[in-house]
N, C-alpha and C. Protein backbone atom coordinates (compact mmCIF):
# COMPACT_ATOMS: atom_id res chain seq x y z
N MET A 1 -138.67 82.10 -187.72
CA MET A 1 -138.71 81.25 -186.65
C MET A 1 -139.02 81.62 -185.13
N SER A 2 -140.32 80.53 -184.68
CA SER A 2 -140.90 81.05 -183.56
C SER A 2 -140.33 80.62 -182.34
N LYS A 3 -139.96 80.98 -181.38
CA LYS A 3 -139.32 81.03 -180.32
C LYS A 3 -140.44 79.94 -179.36
N GLY A 4 -141.39 79.13 -179.63
CA GLY A 4 -141.88 78.45 -178.79
C GLY A 4 -141.16 77.52 -177.98
N LYS A 5 -142.05 76.47 -177.42
CA LYS A 5 -141.47 75.60 -176.69
C LYS A 5 -140.69 74.59 -176.84
N GLY A 6 -139.49 74.33 -176.53
CA GLY A 6 -138.82 73.78 -176.65
C GLY A 6 -137.83 72.71 -175.85
N LYS A 7 -137.18 71.77 -176.18
CA LYS A 7 -136.65 70.55 -175.08
C LYS A 7 -135.70 71.67 -174.25
N ALA A 8 -135.14 71.14 -173.05
CA ALA A 8 -134.38 71.77 -171.96
C ALA A 8 -132.68 71.43 -172.87
N VAL A 9 -131.96 72.09 -172.69
CA VAL A 9 -130.64 71.69 -172.72
C VAL A 9 -129.91 71.53 -171.59
N LYS A 10 -129.38 70.49 -171.92
CA LYS A 10 -128.60 69.78 -169.80
C LYS A 10 -127.22 70.14 -170.41
N LYS A 11 -126.63 71.00 -169.31
CA LYS A 11 -125.30 71.09 -169.34
C LYS A 11 -124.73 69.82 -168.67
N GLN A 12 -123.43 69.03 -169.73
CA GLN A 12 -123.03 68.30 -169.86
C GLN A 12 -122.10 68.25 -168.54
N LYS A 13 -122.03 67.12 -167.64
CA LYS A 13 -120.79 67.04 -166.83
C LYS A 13 -119.61 66.73 -167.35
N SER A 14 -118.34 67.03 -166.44
CA SER A 14 -116.63 66.79 -167.19
C SER A 14 -116.97 65.75 -166.63
N PRO A 15 -115.43 64.90 -167.05
CA PRO A 15 -115.47 63.30 -166.84
C PRO A 15 -114.91 63.78 -165.41
N SER A 16 -114.55 64.74 -164.76
CA SER A 16 -114.03 64.66 -163.21
C SER A 16 -115.33 64.64 -162.10
N GLU A 17 -116.23 65.47 -162.74
CA GLU A 17 -117.12 65.55 -161.97
C GLU A 17 -118.23 64.29 -162.13
N ARG A 18 -118.28 63.43 -162.98
CA ARG A 18 -119.13 62.39 -163.27
C ARG A 18 -118.72 61.23 -162.31
N LYS A 19 -119.97 60.48 -161.50
CA LYS A 19 -119.35 59.25 -160.81
C LYS A 19 -119.07 58.22 -161.60
N GLN A 20 -118.26 57.86 -160.72
CA GLN A 20 -117.10 56.35 -161.34
C GLN A 20 -117.33 55.46 -160.73
N ALA A 21 -117.73 54.14 -161.52
CA ALA A 21 -118.07 52.75 -161.16
C ALA A 21 -116.68 51.96 -160.44
N VAL A 22 -117.00 51.69 -159.36
CA VAL A 22 -115.53 50.94 -158.78
C VAL A 22 -116.09 49.29 -158.38
N LEU A 23 -115.35 48.61 -158.90
CA LEU A 23 -116.07 46.94 -158.40
C LEU A 23 -114.92 46.35 -158.07
N LYS A 24 -115.05 45.45 -156.90
CA LYS A 24 -113.89 44.85 -156.02
C LYS A 24 -113.69 43.66 -157.02
N MET A 25 -112.40 42.90 -157.19
CA MET A 25 -111.72 42.03 -157.46
C MET A 25 -112.36 41.15 -156.70
N VAL A 26 -112.43 39.90 -157.19
CA VAL A 26 -112.83 38.53 -156.46
C VAL A 26 -112.72 37.21 -156.96
N LEU A 27 -112.17 36.31 -156.21
CA LEU A 27 -111.73 35.51 -156.58
C LEU A 27 -112.39 33.85 -157.25
N SER A 28 -112.29 33.17 -157.36
CA SER A 28 -112.76 31.78 -158.23
C SER A 28 -113.96 31.03 -156.87
N GLY A 29 -113.34 31.49 -155.97
CA GLY A 29 -113.79 30.33 -154.50
C GLY A 29 -115.03 31.41 -154.15
N THR A 30 -115.14 32.79 -154.23
CA THR A 30 -116.01 33.86 -154.18
C THR A 30 -117.51 33.35 -155.45
N CYS A 31 -116.81 33.24 -156.52
CA CYS A 31 -117.60 33.02 -157.50
C CYS A 31 -118.34 31.83 -157.57
N ALA A 32 -117.56 30.75 -156.90
CA ALA A 32 -118.37 29.68 -156.59
C ALA A 32 -119.55 29.33 -156.15
N VAL A 33 -119.95 30.17 -155.01
CA VAL A 33 -120.92 30.20 -154.14
C VAL A 33 -121.64 31.70 -154.29
N CYS A 34 -121.46 32.08 -155.11
CA CYS A 34 -122.12 33.55 -155.18
C CYS A 34 -123.83 32.94 -156.06
N LYS A 35 -124.76 33.77 -155.23
CA LYS A 35 -125.94 33.36 -155.27
C LYS A 35 -126.49 33.69 -156.88
N THR A 36 -126.12 34.65 -157.15
CA THR A 36 -126.65 35.07 -158.76
C THR A 36 -125.11 35.08 -159.64
N PRO A 37 -124.89 34.11 -160.01
CA PRO A 37 -123.54 33.88 -160.84
C PRO A 37 -123.95 34.52 -162.21
N CYS A 38 -122.51 35.09 -162.80
CA CYS A 38 -122.65 35.67 -163.69
C CYS A 38 -121.78 35.20 -164.70
N ALA A 39 -121.85 35.80 -166.17
CA ALA A 39 -121.00 34.68 -167.55
C ALA A 39 -119.97 34.83 -166.69
N ARG A 40 -119.24 36.11 -166.89
CA ARG A 40 -117.80 36.41 -166.18
C ARG A 40 -116.79 35.62 -165.33
N GLY A 41 -117.98 35.50 -164.53
CA GLY A 41 -117.42 34.84 -163.05
C GLY A 41 -117.91 33.38 -163.38
N MET A 42 -118.70 32.79 -164.19
CA MET A 42 -118.20 31.24 -164.65
C MET A 42 -117.37 30.78 -165.04
N ARG A 43 -117.01 31.59 -166.44
CA ARG A 43 -115.66 31.86 -167.14
C ARG A 43 -114.64 31.50 -166.32
N TYR A 44 -114.40 32.73 -165.46
CA TYR A 44 -113.30 32.41 -164.68
C TYR A 44 -113.09 31.33 -163.84
N LEU A 45 -114.51 30.67 -163.32
CA LEU A 45 -114.32 29.64 -162.33
C LEU A 45 -113.90 28.61 -163.34
N GLU A 46 -114.47 28.45 -164.32
CA GLU A 46 -114.47 27.49 -165.23
C GLU A 46 -112.37 27.18 -165.49
N SER A 47 -111.97 28.22 -166.06
CA SER A 47 -110.41 28.02 -166.32
C SER A 47 -109.59 28.27 -165.01
N MET A 48 -109.97 28.29 -163.68
CA MET A 48 -109.59 28.26 -162.51
C MET A 48 -109.31 26.76 -162.19
N GLN A 49 -110.54 26.23 -162.84
CA GLN A 49 -110.64 25.03 -162.67
C GLN A 49 -108.79 23.74 -163.35
N GLU A 50 -108.28 24.48 -164.47
CA GLU A 50 -107.45 23.37 -165.14
C GLU A 50 -106.43 23.32 -164.00
N PRO A 51 -105.61 22.57 -164.15
CA PRO A 51 -104.23 22.22 -163.52
C PRO A 51 -103.25 23.30 -164.11
N GLY A 52 -102.89 23.88 -162.90
CA GLY A 52 -101.54 24.77 -163.01
C GLY A 52 -102.44 26.35 -163.47
N ALA A 53 -103.72 26.66 -163.12
CA ALA A 53 -104.21 28.00 -163.50
C ALA A 53 -103.73 28.95 -162.12
N VAL A 54 -103.33 30.09 -162.95
CA VAL A 54 -103.08 30.84 -161.92
C VAL A 54 -103.79 32.26 -162.27
N GLY A 55 -104.56 32.85 -161.58
CA GLY A 55 -105.56 33.97 -161.40
C GLY A 55 -105.57 34.98 -160.44
N LYS A 56 -105.54 36.35 -161.00
CA LYS A 56 -105.71 37.33 -160.10
C LYS A 56 -107.12 37.51 -159.87
N GLY A 57 -108.12 37.21 -160.01
CA GLY A 57 -109.45 37.72 -159.70
C GLY A 57 -110.02 38.05 -160.73
N VAL A 58 -111.38 38.61 -160.69
CA VAL A 58 -112.27 38.98 -161.94
C VAL A 58 -113.08 40.11 -160.78
N PRO A 59 -113.62 41.15 -161.69
CA PRO A 59 -114.10 42.50 -161.30
C PRO A 59 -115.35 41.74 -161.19
N CYS A 60 -116.61 41.98 -159.87
CA CYS A 60 -117.55 41.56 -159.84
C CYS A 60 -118.45 42.15 -160.03
N ILE A 61 -119.34 42.57 -161.05
CA ILE A 61 -120.15 43.72 -161.19
C ILE A 61 -121.66 43.53 -159.81
N LEU A 62 -121.70 43.07 -158.61
CA LEU A 62 -122.77 42.61 -157.79
C LEU A 62 -122.20 43.74 -156.75
N THR A 63 -120.68 43.98 -156.67
CA THR A 63 -119.95 44.79 -155.65
C THR A 63 -119.63 46.13 -156.32
N ARG A 64 -120.61 46.55 -157.26
CA ARG A 64 -120.18 47.65 -157.69
C ARG A 64 -120.48 49.21 -156.92
N THR A 65 -119.89 50.07 -156.59
CA THR A 65 -120.10 51.27 -156.07
C THR A 65 -119.73 52.75 -156.28
N TYR A 66 -120.40 53.52 -156.39
CA TYR A 66 -119.41 55.06 -157.01
C TYR A 66 -118.73 55.81 -156.23
N ILE A 67 -118.17 56.61 -156.54
CA ILE A 67 -117.38 57.24 -156.14
C ILE A 67 -117.39 58.40 -156.71
């Protein structure tokens, strides 16, 4: 076998070294006025329109930050 050009092997980062995404929890009022509505937010907004609905929010993908 010849040892010619090959692909460089990347060292994988351990799970503790990777960036972790954090999403903020938003309520239905925030989803109602959002400029770029997402499917998850609209589904949550519809479910909160039901009488007696209790919600604790939904993670918003537009508020993603990495730590």
